[in-house]
Amino acid sequence: MDKFIEALLDLLPFSAWFQHWGFSEDTSDGLAVVVIALLVWLSAWGIKRLYVRWENSRAARDLKPQFDYPSVQQATGIFIPTQYQNASPARQDEPGFTHKYVATQPLIPFFIKTAFDEKVDSERFYLILADSGMGKTTFMINLYIQYHSFFNLHRNHKMRLFRFSHPDTLKEIKAIKTEDAKNTILLLDALDEDPNIVSKDPDVSDEEAFNKRVDEIIEASRNFCEVVITCRTQYFPGQEDDPYELKFKRSDGKGFYMLTNCAS
């Protein structure tokens, strides 16, 4: 190690500069080491910043027209890692509920290392429930970017991110070929913003319209290897009855769809 430091000092003129300014040889060598360490740190920080900007720019290109570059930059600028738990946080202080165990874990590592690995977790459909403004869209963008990161060694599939508020989302999902869908993770953001979950027909209730739309979404996404959907909690008022699974009633009345529940 001493020889390595000596070689660095010989290559870089910092020690000679400090000696020229009147410092002793030992002090100059020490200050030179500090300067070199600072330059290495600044270089690493600068490279990391450039890499993050490059990743954001690449993600923005991939996510158009669903998300633009400012949206991606804002979502990644100040991101507090999302936690999830097996029950709604709103019920933790209710009488009769406080004694129940609530598991809390980081959400992105769970998906990348566990949920997206069929050898570890066989579930395919996941529903992330959170109140308005809790960062569901921010989470989805960061999940997309971190999954595509050069440093992610668990990336075995393609990934597509859509938002339900975009008018052509379902059409674009259906346009993906079956053979491609089988190797693609599908991220669907903001089910509550889908204009078709609310009835526009006075003879059709909102519940019927919602169930029909869910039928269409499940049918369009059934060939994908993994599907993650985000939605506001209030659209599933009974989700606390089973903290691990959610039942979607089929619009034809023939049973239910079962989705893994992740409350954040």
C-alpha atoms as a PDB file:
ATOM      1  CA  MET A   1       0.000   0.000   0.000  1.00  0.00           C
ATOM      2  CA  ASP A   2       2.855   2.389   0.851  1.00  0.00           C
ATOM      3  CA  LYS A   3       4.457   1.725  -2.542  1.00  0.00           C
ATOM      4  CA  PHE A   4       1.125   2.356  -4.254  1.00  0.00           C
ATOM      5  CA  ILE A   5       0.743   5.725  -2.492  1.00  0.00           C
ATOM      6  CA  GLU A   6       4.341   6.614  -3.326  1.00  0.00           C
ATOM      7  CA  ALA A   7       3.691   5.778  -6.993  1.00  0.00           C
ATOM      8  CA  LEU A   8       0.605   8.022  -6.976  1.00  0.00           C
ATOM      9  CA  LEU A   9       2.570  10.859  -5.407  1.00  0.00           C
ATOM     10  CA  ASP A  10       5.278  10.464  -8.042  1.00  0.00           C
ATOM     11  CA  LEU A  11       2.713  10.573 -10.850  1.00  0.00           C
ATOM     12  CA  LEU A  12       0.788  13.560  -9.517  1.00  0.00           C
ATOM     13  CA  PRO A  13       2.573  16.841  -8.692  1.00  0.00           C
ATOM     14  CA  PHE A  14       0.518  17.807  -5.627  1.00  0.00           C
ATOM     15  CA  SER A  15       3.251  17.035  -3.082  1.00  0.00           C
ATOM     16  CA  ALA A  16       5.784  19.151  -4.991  1.00  0.00           C
ATOM     17  CA  TRP A  17       3.283  22.004  -5.160  1.00  0.00           C
ATOM     18  CA  PHE A  18       2.738  21.967  -1.399  1.00  0.00           C
ATOM     19  CA  GLN A  19       6.499  21.861  -0.795  1.00  0.00           C
ATOM     20  CA  HIS A  20       6.874  24.821  -3.145  1.00  0.00           C
ATOM     21  CA  TRP A  21       4.358  26.686  -0.980  1.00  0.00           C
ATOM     22  CA  GLY A  22       6.494  26.102   2.108  1.00  0.00           C
ATOM     23  CA  PHE A  23       5.088  22.895   3.635  1.00  0.00           C
ATOM     24  CA  SER A  24       7.411  20.157   4.876  1.00  0.00           C
ATOM     25  CA  GLU A  25       7.846  16.978   2.816  1.00  0.00           C
ATOM     26  CA  ASP A  26       5.756  14.807   5.194  1.00  0.00           C
ATOM     27  CA  THR A  27       2.969  17.399   5.421  1.00  0.00           C
ATOM     28  CA  SER A  28       3.010  17.861   1.657  1.00  0.00           C
ATOM     29  CA  ASP A  29       2.693  14.100   1.113  1.00  0.00           C
ATOM     30  CA  GLY A  30      -0.247  13.933   3.542  1.00  0.00           C
ATOM     31  CA  LEU A  31      -2.031  16.857   1.902  1.00  0.00           C
ATOM     32  CA  ALA A  32      -1.388  15.334  -1.529  1.00  0.00           C
ATOM     33  CA  VAL A  33      -3.053  12.080  -0.429  1.00  0.00           C
ATOM     34  CA  VAL A  34      -6.082  14.054   0.795  1.00  0.00           C
ATOM     35  CA  VAL A  35      -6.316  15.925  -2.521  1.00  0.00           C
ATOM     36  CA  ILE A  36      -6.041  12.678  -4.499  1.00  0.00           C
ATOM     37  CA  ALA A  37      -8.763  11.048  -2.369  1.00  0.00           C
ATOM     38  CA  LEU A  38     -10.991  14.101  -2.866  1.00  0.00           C
ATOM     39  CA  LEU A  39     -10.451  14.003  -6.638  1.00  0.00           C
ATOM     40  CA  VAL A  40     -11.282  10.282  -6.739  1.00  0.00           C
ATOM     41  CA  TRP A  41     -14.473  10.914  -4.740  1.00  0.00           C
ATOM     42  CA  LEU A  42     -15.486  13.837  -6.975  1.00  0.00           C
ATOM     43  CA  SER A  43     -14.806  11.756 -10.084  1.00  0.00           C
ATOM     44  CA  ALA A  44     -16.922   8.876  -8.767  1.00  0.00           C
ATOM     45  CA  TRP A  45     -19.710  11.295  -7.785  1.00  0.00           C
ATOM     46  CA  GLY A  46     -19.605  12.952 -11.207  1.00  0.00           C
ATOM     47  CA  ILE A  47     -19.662   9.620 -13.039  1.00  0.00           C
ATOM     48  CA  LYS A  48     -22.604   8.483 -10.918  1.00  0.00           C
ATOM     49  CA  ARG A  49     -24.501  11.711 -11.661  1.00  0.00           C
ATOM     50  CA  LEU A  50     -23.855  11.320 -15.383  1.00  0.00           C
ATOM     51  CA  TYR A  51     -24.959   7.693 -15.228  1.00  0.00           C
ATOM     52  CA  VAL A  52     -28.195   8.634 -13.440  1.00  0.00           C
ATOM     53  CA  ARG A  53     -28.915  11.336 -16.021  1.00  0.00           C
ATOM     54  CA  TRP A  54     -28.219   8.861 -18.820  1.00  0.00           C
ATOM     55  CA  GLU A  55     -30.529   6.269 -17.233  1.00  0.00           C
ATOM     56  CA  ASN A  56     -33.283   8.862 -16.805  1.00  0.00           C
ATOM     57  CA  SER A  57     -32.894  10.028 -20.380  1.00  0.00           C
ATOM     58  CA  ARG A  58     -33.009   6.458 -21.683  1.00  0.00           C
ATOM     59  CA  ALA A  59     -36.047   5.660 -19.538  1.00  0.00           C
ATOM     60  CA  ALA A  60     -37.833   8.784 -20.783  1.00  0.00           C
ATOM     61  CA  ARG A  61     -37.254   7.693 -24.389  1.00  0.00           C
ATOM     62  CA  ASP A  62     -38.566   4.205 -23.619  1.00  0.00           C
ATOM     63  CA  LEU A  63     -41.616   5.488 -21.721  1.00  0.00           C
ATOM     64  CA  LYS A  64     -42.880   8.016 -24.266  1.00  0.00           C
ATOM     65  CA  PRO A  65     -45.668   8.971 -24.724  1.00  0.00           C
ATOM     66  CA  GLN A  66     -46.773   7.581 -21.343  1.00  0.00           C
ATOM     67  CA  PHE A  67     -44.177   9.630 -19.416  1.00  0.00           C
ATOM     68  CA  ASP A  68     -42.007  12.559 -20.521  1.00  0.00           C
ATOM     69  CA  TYR A  69     -38.466  13.390 -19.383  1.00  0.00           C
ATOM     70  CA  PRO A  70     -39.474  15.977 -16.711  1.00  0.00           C
ATOM     71  CA  SER A  71     -41.797  13.373 -15.129  1.00  0.00           C
ATOM     72  CA  VAL A  72     -39.010  10.799 -15.020  1.00  0.00           C
ATOM     73  CA  GLN A  73     -36.499  13.336 -13.675  1.00  0.00           C
ATOM     74  CA  GLN A  74     -38.916  14.491 -10.968  1.00  0.00           C
ATOM     75  CA  ALA A  75     -39.717  10.913  -9.927  1.00  0.00           C
ATOM     76  CA  THR A  76     -36.054  10.010  -9.519  1.00  0.00           C
ATOM     77  CA  GLY A  77     -34.804  13.323  -8.121  1.00  0.00           C
ATOM     78  CA  ILE A  78     -35.915  12.893  -4.521  1.00  0.00           C
ATOM     79  CA  PHE A  79     -37.131   9.322  -4.117  1.00  0.00           C
ATOM     80  CA  ILE A  80     -37.825   7.859  -0.687  1.00  0.00           C
ATOM     81  CA  PRO A  81     -37.771   4.051  -1.132  1.00  0.00           C
ATOM     82  CA  THR A  82     -41.326   2.732  -0.980  1.00  0.00           C
ATOM     83  CA  GLN A  83     -42.234   0.316   1.809  1.00  0.00           C
ATOM     84  CA  TYR A  84     -45.072  -2.172   1.632  1.00  0.00           C
ATOM     85  CA  GLN A  85     -47.013  -4.107   4.220  1.00  0.00           C
ATOM     86  CA  ASN A  86     -49.593  -6.846   4.320  1.00  0.00           C
ATOM     87  CA  ALA A  87     -52.427  -4.607   5.548  1.00  0.00           C
ATOM     88  CA  SER A  88     -53.666  -1.054   5.076  1.00  0.00           C
ATOM     89  CA  PRO A  89     -51.796   1.468   7.288  1.00  0.00           C
ATOM     90  CA  ALA A  90     -55.095   3.288   7.858  1.00  0.00           C
ATOM     91  CA  ARG A  91     -56.371   0.391   9.995  1.00  0.00           C
ATOM     92  CA  GLN A  92     -53.380  -0.104  12.286  1.00  0.00           C
ATOM     93  CA  ASP A  93     -54.822   2.046  15.088  1.00  0.00           C
ATOM     94  CA  GLU A  94     -58.325   0.583  14.944  1.00  0.00           C
ATOM     95  CA  PRO A  95     -59.574  -1.370  17.991  1.00  0.00           C
ATOM     96  CA  GLY A  96     -59.239  -5.093  17.411  1.00  0.00           C
ATOM     97  CA  PHE A  97     -56.553  -4.585  14.781  1.00  0.00           C
ATOM     98  CA  THR A  98     -53.576  -3.259  16.753  1.00  0.00           C
ATOM     99  CA  HIS A  99     -52.621  -6.745  17.979  1.00  0.00           C
ATOM    100  CA  LYS A 100     -52.189  -8.079  14.457  1.00  0.00           C
ATOM    101  CA  TYR A 101     -48.711  -8.437  13.027  1.00  0.00           C
ATOM    102  CA  VAL A 102     -47.999  -6.101  10.114  1.00  0.00           C
ATOM    103  CA  ALA A 103     -44.952  -6.939   7.992  1.00  0.00           C
ATOM    104  CA  THR A 104     -43.163  -3.987   6.393  1.00  0.00           C
ATOM    105  CA  GLN A 105     -40.473  -4.367   3.720  1.00  0.00           C
ATOM    106  CA  PRO A 106     -38.855  -2.310   0.935  1.00  0.00           C
ATOM    107  CA  LEU A 107     -41.003  -2.763  -2.160  1.00  0.00           C
ATOM    108  CA  ILE A 108     -38.559  -2.437  -5.081  1.00  0.00           C
ATOM    109  CA  PRO A 109     -36.079  -5.077  -3.772  1.00  0.00           C
ATOM    110  CA  PHE A 110     -39.048  -7.384  -3.114  1.00  0.00           C
ATOM    111  CA  PHE A 111     -40.136  -7.210  -6.736  1.00  0.00           C
ATOM    112  CA  ILE A 112     -36.672  -7.352  -8.316  1.00  0.00           C
ATOM    113  CA  LYS A 113     -35.240 -10.145  -6.148  1.00  0.00           C
ATOM    114  CA  THR A 114     -38.350 -12.139  -5.222  1.00  0.00           C
ATOM    115  CA  ALA A 115     -41.597 -11.441  -7.067  1.00  0.00           C
ATOM    116  CA  PHE A 116     -40.022 -11.337 -10.539  1.00  0.00           C
ATOM    117  CA  ASP A 117     -38.149 -14.611  -9.950  1.00  0.00           C
ATOM    118  CA  GLU A 118     -40.508 -17.477 -10.770  1.00  0.00           C
ATOM    119  CA  LYS A 119     -38.192 -19.883  -8.916  1.00  0.00           C
ATOM    120  CA  VAL A 120     -38.831 -17.963  -5.687  1.00  0.00           C
ATOM    121  CA  ASP A 121     -42.405 -16.678  -6.121  1.00  0.00           C
ATOM    122  CA  SER A 122     -45.024 -18.273  -8.366  1.00  0.00           C
ATOM    123  CA  GLU A 123     -47.537 -15.404  -8.151  1.00  0.00           C
ATOM    124  CA  ARG A 124     -48.098 -13.435 -11.361  1.00  0.00           C
ATOM    125  CA  PHE A 125     -50.547 -10.623 -10.545  1.00  0.00           C
ATOM    126  CA  TYR A 126     -49.774  -8.001  -7.893  1.00  0.00           C
ATOM    127  CA  LEU A 127     -51.932  -5.078  -6.796  1.00  0.00           C
ATOM    128  CA  ILE A 128     -50.295  -2.172  -4.955  1.00  0.00           C
ATOM    129  CA  LEU A 129     -52.792  -0.157  -2.934  1.00  0.00           C
ATOM    130  CA  ALA A 130     -52.040   3.277  -1.462  1.00  0.00           C
ATOM    131  CA  ASP A 131     -53.882   6.503  -0.786  1.00  0.00           C
ATOM    132  CA  SER A 132     -53.765   9.447  -3.178  1.00  0.00           C
ATOM    133  CA  GLY A 133     -50.417  11.248  -3.239  1.00  0.00           C
ATOM    134  CA  MET A 134     -48.468   8.412  -1.603  1.00  0.00           C
ATOM    135  CA  GLY A 135     -46.092   7.961  -4.543  1.00  0.00           C
ATOM    136  CA  LYS A 136     -47.507   5.061  -6.552  1.00  0.00           C
ATOM    137  CA  THR A 137     -46.452   6.540  -9.904  1.00  0.00           C
ATOM    138  CA  THR A 138     -43.060   7.564  -8.512  1.00  0.00           C
ATOM    139  CA  PHE A 139     -42.577   4.003  -7.310  1.00  0.00           C
ATOM    140  CA  MET A 140     -43.440   2.536 -10.712  1.00  0.00           C
ATOM    141  CA  ILE A 141     -40.996   4.808 -12.558  1.00  0.00           C
ATOM    142  CA  ASN A 142     -38.206   3.999 -10.101  1.00  0.00           C
ATOM    143  CA  LEU A 143     -38.988   0.277 -10.296  1.00  0.00           C
ATOM    144  CA  TYR A 144     -38.698   0.499 -14.081  1.00  0.00           C
ATOM    145  CA  ILE A 145     -35.382   2.381 -13.932  1.00  0.00           C
ATOM    146  CA  GLN A 146     -33.820   0.229 -11.212  1.00  0.00           C
ATOM    147  CA  TYR A 147     -34.862  -2.957 -12.993  1.00  0.00           C
ATOM    148  CA  HIS A 148     -33.069  -1.759 -16.144  1.00  0.00           C
ATOM    149  CA  SER A 149     -30.008  -0.608 -14.203  1.00  0.00           C
ATOM    150  CA  PHE A 150     -26.633  -1.927 -15.329  1.00  0.00           C
ATOM    151  CA  PHE A 151     -26.090  -3.075 -11.742  1.00  0.00           C
ATOM    152  CA  ASN A 152     -29.251  -5.207 -11.567  1.00  0.00           C
ATOM    153  CA  LEU A 153     -28.075  -8.810 -11.849  1.00  0.00           C
ATOM    154  CA  HIS A 154     -31.654 -10.127 -11.595  1.00  0.00           C
ATOM    155  CA  ARG A 155     -32.842  -8.777 -14.949  1.00  0.00           C
ATOM    156  CA  ASN A 156     -34.111 -11.755 -16.936  1.00  0.00           C
ATOM    157  CA  HIS A 157     -37.150 -10.272 -18.687  1.00  0.00           C
ATOM    158  CA  LYS A 158     -38.230  -7.253 -20.669  1.00  0.00           C
ATOM    159  CA  MET A 159     -40.392  -4.661 -18.922  1.00  0.00           C
ATOM    160  CA  ARG A 160     -43.108  -2.281 -20.120  1.00  0.00           C
ATOM    161  CA  LEU A 161     -44.740   0.525 -18.129  1.00  0.00           C
ATOM    162  CA  PHE A 162     -48.149   1.953 -18.993  1.00  0.00           C
ATOM    163  CA  ARG A 163     -50.549   4.308 -17.228  1.00  0.00           C
ATOM    164  CA  PHE A 164     -54.299   3.802 -17.305  1.00  0.00           C
ATOM    165  CA  SER A 165     -54.969   7.507 -17.833  1.00  0.00           C
ATOM    166  CA  HIS A 166     -53.463   7.245 -21.323  1.00  0.00           C
ATOM    167  CA  PRO A 167     -56.299   6.624 -23.824  1.00  0.00           C
ATOM    168  CA  ASP A 168     -54.444   3.974 -25.869  1.00  0.00           C
ATOM    169  CA  THR A 169     -53.014   1.892 -23.021  1.00  0.00           C
ATOM    170  CA  LEU A 170     -55.160  -1.221 -23.460  1.00  0.00           C
ATOM    171  CA  LYS A 171     -54.793  -1.071 -27.241  1.00  0.00           C
ATOM    172  CA  GLU A 172     -50.991  -0.914 -26.915  1.00  0.00           C
ATOM    173  CA  ILE A 173     -50.976  -3.830 -24.463  1.00  0.00           C
ATOM    174  CA  LYS A 174     -53.061  -5.975 -26.811  1.00  0.00           C
ATOM    175  CA  ALA A 175     -50.707  -5.109 -29.686  1.00  0.00           C
ATOM    176  CA  ILE A 176     -47.764  -6.833 -27.939  1.00  0.00           C
ATOM    177  CA  LYS A 177     -47.239 -10.263 -29.473  1.00  0.00           C
ATOM    178  CA  THR A 178     -47.938 -13.304 -27.290  1.00  0.00           C
ATOM    179  CA  GLU A 179     -44.392 -14.664 -27.629  1.00  0.00           C
ATOM    180  CA  ASP A 180     -43.023 -11.277 -26.474  1.00  0.00           C
ATOM    181  CA  ALA A 181     -45.563 -10.964 -23.650  1.00  0.00           C
ATOM    182  CA  LYS A 182     -44.435 -14.275 -22.118  1.00  0.00           C
ATOM    183  CA  ASN A 183     -41.028 -12.737 -21.478  1.00  0.00           C
ATOM    184  CA  THR A 184     -42.287  -9.290 -20.433  1.00  0.00           C
ATOM    185  CA  ILE A 185     -43.113  -7.816 -17.022  1.00  0.00           C
ATOM    186  CA  LEU A 186     -46.103  -5.494 -17.300  1.00  0.00           C
ATOM    187  CA  LEU A 187     -46.393  -2.446 -15.025  1.00  0.00           C
ATOM    188  CA  LEU A 188     -49.825  -0.778 -15.056  1.00  0.00           C
ATOM    189  CA  ASP A 189     -50.068   2.479 -13.143  1.00  0.00           C
ATOM    190  CA  ALA A 190     -53.148   4.138 -11.614  1.00  0.00           C
ATOM    191  CA  LEU A 191     -56.114   1.870 -12.247  1.00  0.00           C
ATOM    192  CA  ASP A 192     -58.217   4.507 -10.461  1.00  0.00           C
ATOM    193  CA  GLU A 193     -57.453   6.965 -13.312  1.00  0.00           C
ATOM    194  CA  ASP A 194     -58.886   4.674 -15.986  1.00  0.00           C
ATOM    195  CA  PRO A 195     -61.936   6.550 -17.357  1.00  0.00           C
ATOM    196  CA  ASN A 196     -63.681   3.249 -18.106  1.00  0.00           C
ATOM    197  CA  ILE A 197     -63.963   2.021 -14.510  1.00  0.00           C
ATOM    198  CA  VAL A 198     -66.891   4.410 -13.962  1.00  0.00           C
ATOM    199  CA  SER A 199     -70.189   3.713 -15.680  1.00  0.00           C
ATOM    200  CA  LYS A 200     -71.315   6.065 -18.433  1.00  0.00           C
ATOM    201  CA  ASP A 201     -74.544   4.104 -18.907  1.00  0.00           C
ATOM    202  CA  PRO A 202     -77.412   4.830 -16.454  1.00  0.00           C
ATOM    203  CA  ASP A 203     -78.455   1.168 -16.734  1.00  0.00           C
ATOM    204  CA  VAL A 204     -75.006  -0.069 -15.650  1.00  0.00           C
ATOM    205  CA  SER A 205     -73.797   0.430 -12.074  1.00  0.00           C
ATOM    206  CA  ASP A 206     -70.277   1.632 -11.270  1.00  0.00           C
ATOM    207  CA  GLU A 207     -69.533  -1.761  -9.719  1.00  0.00           C
ATOM    208  CA  GLU A 208     -70.558  -3.552 -12.906  1.00  0.00           C
ATOM    209  CA  ALA A 209     -68.497  -1.143 -15.022  1.00  0.00           C
ATOM    210  CA  PHE A 210     -65.509  -1.639 -12.724  1.00  0.00           C
ATOM    211  CA  ASN A 211     -65.747  -5.445 -12.854  1.00  0.00           C
ATOM    212  CA  LYS A 212     -66.128  -5.405 -16.629  1.00  0.00           C
ATOM    213  CA  ARG A 213     -63.054  -3.197 -17.012  1.00  0.00           C
ATOM    214  CA  VAL A 214     -61.050  -5.486 -14.741  1.00  0.00           C
ATOM    215  CA  ASP A 215     -62.130  -8.403 -16.956  1.00  0.00           C
ATOM    216  CA  GLU A 216     -60.755  -6.572 -19.987  1.00  0.00           C
ATOM    217  CA  ILE A 217     -57.479  -5.738 -18.230  1.00  0.00           C
ATOM    218  CA  ILE A 218     -56.940  -9.295 -16.960  1.00  0.00           C
ATOM    219  CA  GLU A 219     -57.737 -10.720 -20.391  1.00  0.00           C
ATOM    220  CA  ALA A 220     -55.337  -8.295 -22.114  1.00  0.00           C
ATOM    221  CA  SER A 221     -52.503  -9.022 -19.663  1.00  0.00           C
ATOM    222  CA  ARG A 222     -52.943 -12.758 -19.026  1.00  0.00           C
ATOM    223  CA  ASN A 223     -50.018 -13.762 -21.285  1.00  0.00           C
ATOM    224  CA  PHE A 224     -47.444 -11.569 -19.515  1.00  0.00           C
ATOM    225  CA  CYS A 225     -45.026 -13.285 -17.145  1.00  0.00           C
ATOM    226  CA  GLU A 226     -45.677 -10.778 -14.311  1.00  0.00           C
ATOM    227  CA  VAL A 227     -48.245  -8.003 -13.894  1.00  0.00           C
ATOM    228  CA  VAL A 228     -48.067  -5.169 -11.330  1.00  0.00           C
ATOM    229  CA  ILE A 229     -51.038  -2.803 -10.960  1.00  0.00           C
ATOM    230  CA  THR A 230     -51.289   0.278  -8.736  1.00  0.00           C
ATOM    231  CA  CYS A 231     -54.543   1.769  -7.483  1.00  0.00           C
ATOM    232  CA  ARG A 232     -55.959   3.983  -4.746  1.00  0.00           C
ATOM    233  CA  THR A 233     -56.968   2.072  -1.632  1.00  0.00           C
ATOM    234  CA  GLN A 234     -60.548   3.350  -1.526  1.00  0.00           C
ATOM    235  CA  TYR A 235     -61.455   1.355  -4.630  1.00  0.00           C
ATOM    236  CA  PHE A 236     -61.056  -1.798  -2.533  1.00  0.00           C
ATOM    237  CA  PRO A 237     -62.820  -1.105   0.775  1.00  0.00           C
ATOM    238  CA  GLY A 238     -62.854  -4.821   1.697  1.00  0.00           C
ATOM    239  CA  GLN A 239     -59.172  -5.467   1.097  1.00  0.00           C
ATOM    240  CA  GLU A 240     -58.422  -5.741   4.835  1.00  0.00           C
ATOM    241  CA  ASP A 241     -60.480  -8.936   5.144  1.00  0.00           C
ATOM    242  CA  ASP A 242     -57.567 -10.866   3.675  1.00  0.00           C
ATOM    243  CA  PRO A 243     -54.284  -8.936   3.896  1.00  0.00           C
ATOM    244  CA  TYR A 244     -52.504 -11.221   1.445  1.00  0.00           C
ATOM    245  CA  GLU A 245     -54.999 -11.758  -1.374  1.00  0.00           C
ATOM    246  CA  LEU A 246     -57.613  -9.700  -3.178  1.00  0.00           C
ATOM    247  CA  LYS A 247     -60.638 -11.124  -4.933  1.00  0.00           C
ATOM    248  CA  PHE A 248     -61.900  -9.475  -8.111  1.00  0.00           C
ATOM    249  CA  LYS A 249     -65.407 -10.632  -8.917  1.00  0.00           C
ATOM    250  CA  ARG A 250     -65.680 -11.624 -12.565  1.00  0.00           C
ATOM    251  CA  SER A 251     -68.257  -9.661 -14.520  1.00  0.00           C
ATOM    252  CA  ASP A 252     -69.798 -12.919 -15.797  1.00  0.00           C
ATOM    253  CA  GLY A 253     -70.376 -14.087 -12.222  1.00  0.00           C
ATOM    254  CA  LYS A 254     -68.177 -17.164 -12.695  1.00  0.00           C
ATOM    255  CA  GLY A 255     -65.835 -16.909  -9.746  1.00  0.00           C
ATOM    256  CA  PHE A 256     -63.083 -14.441  -8.862  1.00  0.00           C
ATOM    257  CA  TYR A 257     -59.665 -13.259  -9.951  1.00  0.00           C
ATOM    258  CA  MET A 258     -57.054 -13.622  -7.194  1.00  0.00           C
ATOM    259  CA  LEU A 259     -54.337 -10.957  -6.885  1.00  0.00           C
ATOM    260  CA  THR A 260     -51.512 -10.646  -4.381  1.00  0.00           C
ATOM    261  CA  ASN A 261     -52.069  -7.598  -2.172  1.00  0.00           C
ATOM    262  CA  CYS A 262     -49.268  -5.132  -1.381  1.00  0.00           C
ATOM    263  CA  ALA A 263     -50.449  -2.133   0.657  1.00  0.00           C
ATOM    264  CA  SER A 264     -47.942   0.736   0.708  1.00  0.00           C
END
